[in-house]
N, C-alpha and C. Protein backbone atom coordinates (compact mmCIF):
# COMPACT_ATOMS: atom_id res chain seq x y z
N MET A 1 182.65 116.83 135.53
CA MET A 1 181.98 117.85 134.75
C MET A 1 181.95 117.48 133.26
N LEU A 2 183.06 116.91 132.78
CA LEU A 2 183.14 116.53 131.37
C LEU A 2 182.14 115.43 131.04
N GLN A 3 181.98 114.47 131.96
CA GLN A 3 181.03 113.37 131.75
C GLN A 3 179.60 113.91 131.71
N LYS A 4 179.29 114.92 132.53
CA LYS A 4 177.95 115.51 132.55
C LYS A 4 177.65 116.19 131.21
N ASN A 5 178.60 116.91 130.65
CA ASN A 5 178.41 117.56 129.36
C ASN A 5 178.24 116.54 128.24
N LYS A 6 178.98 115.44 128.31
CA LYS A 6 178.86 114.39 127.31
C LYS A 6 177.48 113.75 127.37
N THR A 7 176.95 113.55 128.58
CA THR A 7 175.62 112.98 128.75
C THR A 7 174.55 113.91 128.20
N ILE A 8 174.68 115.19 128.47
CA ILE A 8 173.72 116.17 127.96
C ILE A 8 173.77 116.23 126.44
N ASN A 9 174.97 116.16 125.86
CA ASN A 9 175.09 116.15 124.40
C ASN A 9 174.43 114.93 123.79
N ASN A 10 174.59 113.76 124.43
CA ASN A 10 173.94 112.55 123.92
C ASN A 10 172.43 112.68 123.98
N TYR A 11 171.89 113.21 125.07
CA TYR A 11 170.45 113.41 125.16
C TYR A 11 169.96 114.35 124.06
N ALA A 12 170.71 115.40 123.80
CA ALA A 12 170.31 116.36 122.77
C ALA A 12 170.32 115.72 121.39
N LYS A 13 171.35 114.90 121.11
CA LYS A 13 171.44 114.25 119.80
C LYS A 13 170.26 113.31 119.58
N TYR A 14 170.02 112.46 120.58
CA TYR A 14 168.99 111.43 120.40
C TYR A 14 167.58 112.01 120.47
N SER A 15 167.37 113.04 121.27
CA SER A 15 166.03 113.64 121.29
C SER A 15 165.75 114.39 119.99
N SER A 16 166.77 114.97 119.38
CA SER A 16 166.54 115.64 118.09
C SER A 16 166.20 114.62 117.01
N ILE A 17 166.80 113.44 117.07
CA ILE A 17 166.46 112.38 116.11
C ILE A 17 165.02 111.94 116.32
N ALA A 18 164.57 111.85 117.58
CA ALA A 18 163.19 111.45 117.86
C ALA A 18 162.20 112.50 117.36
N PHE A 19 162.50 113.77 117.57
CA PHE A 19 161.61 114.82 117.07
C PHE A 19 161.57 114.83 115.54
N GLN A 20 162.69 114.57 114.91
CA GLN A 20 162.73 114.50 113.45
C GLN A 20 161.86 113.35 112.94
N MET A 21 161.93 112.21 113.61
CA MET A 21 161.09 111.07 113.22
C MET A 21 159.61 111.41 113.37
N GLY A 22 159.26 111.98 114.51
CA GLY A 22 157.86 112.34 114.75
C GLY A 22 157.34 113.35 113.75
N PHE A 23 158.15 114.32 113.43
CA PHE A 23 157.74 115.34 112.47
C PHE A 23 157.55 114.75 111.07
N THR A 24 158.42 113.84 110.67
CA THR A 24 158.31 113.20 109.36
C THR A 24 157.03 112.38 109.26
N VAL A 25 156.74 111.60 110.30
CA VAL A 25 155.52 110.78 110.30
C VAL A 25 154.29 111.66 110.31
N PHE A 26 154.33 112.74 111.10
CA PHE A 26 153.20 113.67 111.15
C PHE A 26 152.94 114.29 109.78
N LEU A 27 153.99 114.73 109.11
CA LEU A 27 153.81 115.34 107.79
C LEU A 27 153.24 114.35 106.78
N GLY A 28 153.71 113.11 106.82
CA GLY A 28 153.19 112.10 105.91
C GLY A 28 151.71 111.82 106.14
N ALA A 29 151.33 111.66 107.40
CA ALA A 29 149.93 111.39 107.72
C ALA A 29 149.05 112.60 107.41
N PHE A 30 149.53 113.79 107.75
CA PHE A 30 148.76 115.00 107.50
C PHE A 30 148.56 115.22 106.00
N GLY A 31 149.62 115.02 105.23
CA GLY A 31 149.50 115.17 103.77
C GLY A 31 148.55 114.15 103.18
N GLY A 32 148.59 112.92 103.71
CA GLY A 32 147.67 111.89 103.24
C GLY A 32 146.22 112.21 103.54
N VAL A 33 145.96 112.71 104.73
CA VAL A 33 144.59 113.10 105.10
C VAL A 33 144.09 114.23 104.21
N LYS A 34 144.94 115.21 103.98
CA LYS A 34 144.53 116.34 103.14
C LYS A 34 144.27 115.89 101.70
N LEU A 35 145.10 115.01 101.16
CA LEU A 35 144.87 114.50 99.80
C LEU A 35 143.58 113.69 99.73
N ASP A 36 143.32 112.86 100.74
CA ASP A 36 142.08 112.07 100.75
C ASP A 36 140.85 112.96 100.89
N ASP A 37 140.97 114.03 101.69
CA ASP A 37 139.85 114.97 101.80
C ASP A 37 139.59 115.68 100.48
N TYR A 38 140.65 116.01 99.77
CA TYR A 38 140.53 116.72 98.51
C TYR A 38 139.93 115.83 97.42
N LEU A 39 140.39 114.58 97.34
CA LEU A 39 139.94 113.68 96.27
C LEU A 39 138.64 112.96 96.59
N LYS A 40 138.32 112.81 97.88
CA LYS A 40 137.07 112.19 98.35
C LYS A 40 136.85 110.80 97.77
N TRP A 41 137.88 109.95 97.85
CA TRP A 41 137.73 108.56 97.45
C TRP A 41 137.10 107.79 98.60
N GLY A 42 136.61 106.61 98.34
CA GLY A 42 135.94 105.83 99.37
C GLY A 42 136.88 105.31 100.44
N PHE A 43 138.09 104.94 100.07
CA PHE A 43 139.07 104.40 101.00
C PHE A 43 140.22 105.38 101.14
N PRO A 44 140.74 105.60 102.34
CA PRO A 44 141.83 106.58 102.54
C PRO A 44 143.18 106.06 102.03
N VAL A 45 143.30 105.99 100.72
CA VAL A 45 144.49 105.42 100.09
C VAL A 45 145.73 106.24 100.43
N PHE A 46 145.65 107.54 100.30
CA PHE A 46 146.83 108.38 100.50
C PHE A 46 147.21 108.46 101.98
N THR A 47 146.24 108.43 102.87
CA THR A 47 146.56 108.44 104.30
C THR A 47 147.37 107.21 104.68
N VAL A 48 146.92 106.06 104.23
CA VAL A 48 147.62 104.82 104.55
C VAL A 48 148.99 104.77 103.87
N SER A 49 149.02 105.05 102.58
CA SER A 49 150.28 104.91 101.84
C SER A 49 151.32 105.96 102.26
N LEU A 50 150.90 107.20 102.44
CA LEU A 50 151.86 108.23 102.84
C LEU A 50 152.31 108.04 104.29
N SER A 51 151.44 107.52 105.14
CA SER A 51 151.86 107.24 106.51
C SER A 51 152.92 106.14 106.55
N ILE A 52 152.71 105.08 105.80
CA ILE A 52 153.69 104.00 105.75
C ILE A 52 154.99 104.48 105.12
N LEU A 53 154.90 105.25 104.06
CA LEU A 53 156.09 105.80 103.42
C LEU A 53 156.84 106.72 104.38
N ALA A 54 156.12 107.53 105.14
CA ALA A 54 156.76 108.44 106.10
C ALA A 54 157.47 107.67 107.21
N VAL A 55 156.89 106.56 107.66
CA VAL A 55 157.54 105.74 108.68
C VAL A 55 158.82 105.13 108.12
N ILE A 56 158.78 104.67 106.89
CA ILE A 56 159.98 104.09 106.27
C ILE A 56 161.07 105.15 106.12
N ILE A 57 160.69 106.33 105.68
CA ILE A 57 161.67 107.42 105.52
C ILE A 57 162.24 107.83 106.87
N ALA A 58 161.38 107.93 107.89
CA ALA A 58 161.85 108.31 109.22
C ALA A 58 162.80 107.27 109.79
N MET A 59 162.50 105.99 109.59
CA MET A 59 163.40 104.93 110.08
C MET A 59 164.74 104.98 109.34
N TYR A 60 164.71 105.17 108.04
CA TYR A 60 165.94 105.26 107.26
C TYR A 60 166.81 106.42 107.75
N ASN A 61 166.18 107.59 107.92
CA ASN A 61 166.94 108.76 108.36
C ASN A 61 167.49 108.59 109.77
N SER A 62 166.72 107.98 110.66
CA SER A 62 167.20 107.82 112.02
C SER A 62 168.32 106.79 112.10
N ILE A 63 168.22 105.71 111.35
CA ILE A 63 169.31 104.72 111.33
C ILE A 63 170.57 105.34 110.75
N LYS A 64 170.42 106.13 109.71
CA LYS A 64 171.56 106.83 109.12
C LYS A 64 172.20 107.78 110.14
N ASP A 65 171.38 108.49 110.91
CA ASP A 65 171.90 109.39 111.93
C ASP A 65 172.57 108.63 113.07
N PHE A 66 171.99 107.50 113.48
CA PHE A 66 172.60 106.69 114.53
C PHE A 66 173.97 106.18 114.09
N ILE A 67 174.08 105.77 112.86
CA ILE A 67 175.37 105.29 112.35
C ILE A 67 176.38 106.43 112.33
N LYS A 68 175.93 107.61 111.92
CA LYS A 68 176.82 108.77 111.88
C LYS A 68 177.30 109.14 113.29
N VAL A 69 176.40 109.12 114.27
CA VAL A 69 176.76 109.44 115.65
C VAL A 69 177.72 108.38 116.19
N GLY A 70 177.46 107.12 115.88
CA GLY A 70 178.34 106.05 116.33
C GLY A 70 179.72 106.15 115.73
N ASP A 71 179.81 106.52 114.47
CA ASP A 71 181.12 106.68 113.81
C ASP A 71 181.90 107.83 114.45
N LYS A 72 181.22 108.92 114.78
CA LYS A 72 181.90 110.04 115.43
C LYS A 72 182.43 109.63 116.80
N ASP A 73 181.62 108.87 117.57
CA ASP A 73 182.07 108.42 118.89
C ASP A 73 183.25 107.48 118.77
N ASN A 74 183.23 106.58 117.78
CA ASN A 74 184.35 105.65 117.59
C ASN A 74 185.61 106.39 117.19
N ASN A 75 185.49 107.40 116.36
CA ASN A 75 186.66 108.16 115.95
C ASN A 75 187.27 108.93 117.12
N ARG A 76 186.41 109.45 118.03
CA ARG A 76 186.91 110.16 119.19
C ARG A 76 187.67 109.23 120.13
N THR A 77 187.13 108.03 120.35
CA THR A 77 187.79 107.11 121.26
C THR A 77 189.11 106.60 120.67
N LYS A 78 189.18 106.45 119.35
CA LYS A 78 190.42 106.00 118.72
C LYS A 78 191.50 107.08 118.83
N LYS A 79 191.10 108.36 118.72
CA LYS A 79 192.07 109.44 118.81
C LYS A 79 192.62 109.59 120.23
N LYS A 80 191.80 109.27 121.24
CA LYS A 80 192.24 109.39 122.64
C LYS A 80 193.26 108.32 122.99
N LYS A 81 193.21 107.19 122.35
CA LYS A 81 194.15 106.10 122.67
C LYS A 81 195.46 106.33 122.08
């Protein structure tokens, strides 16, 4: 039973990180499209730049969260020994 709860907790942690990444990229792309529509430039500068920036931010945040989750798991295993 304990292993099942641990598995469910891991799924919840990692799926929340995935949703956070998706939401960040969506906001960056959406904001870029809206800025390009407002300014009406010939090339979608803000769509491209904000999308790339959003991907970089999402990757940074997810790697930071993975490291934090890994540190918590390592601390738990050290305390059990």
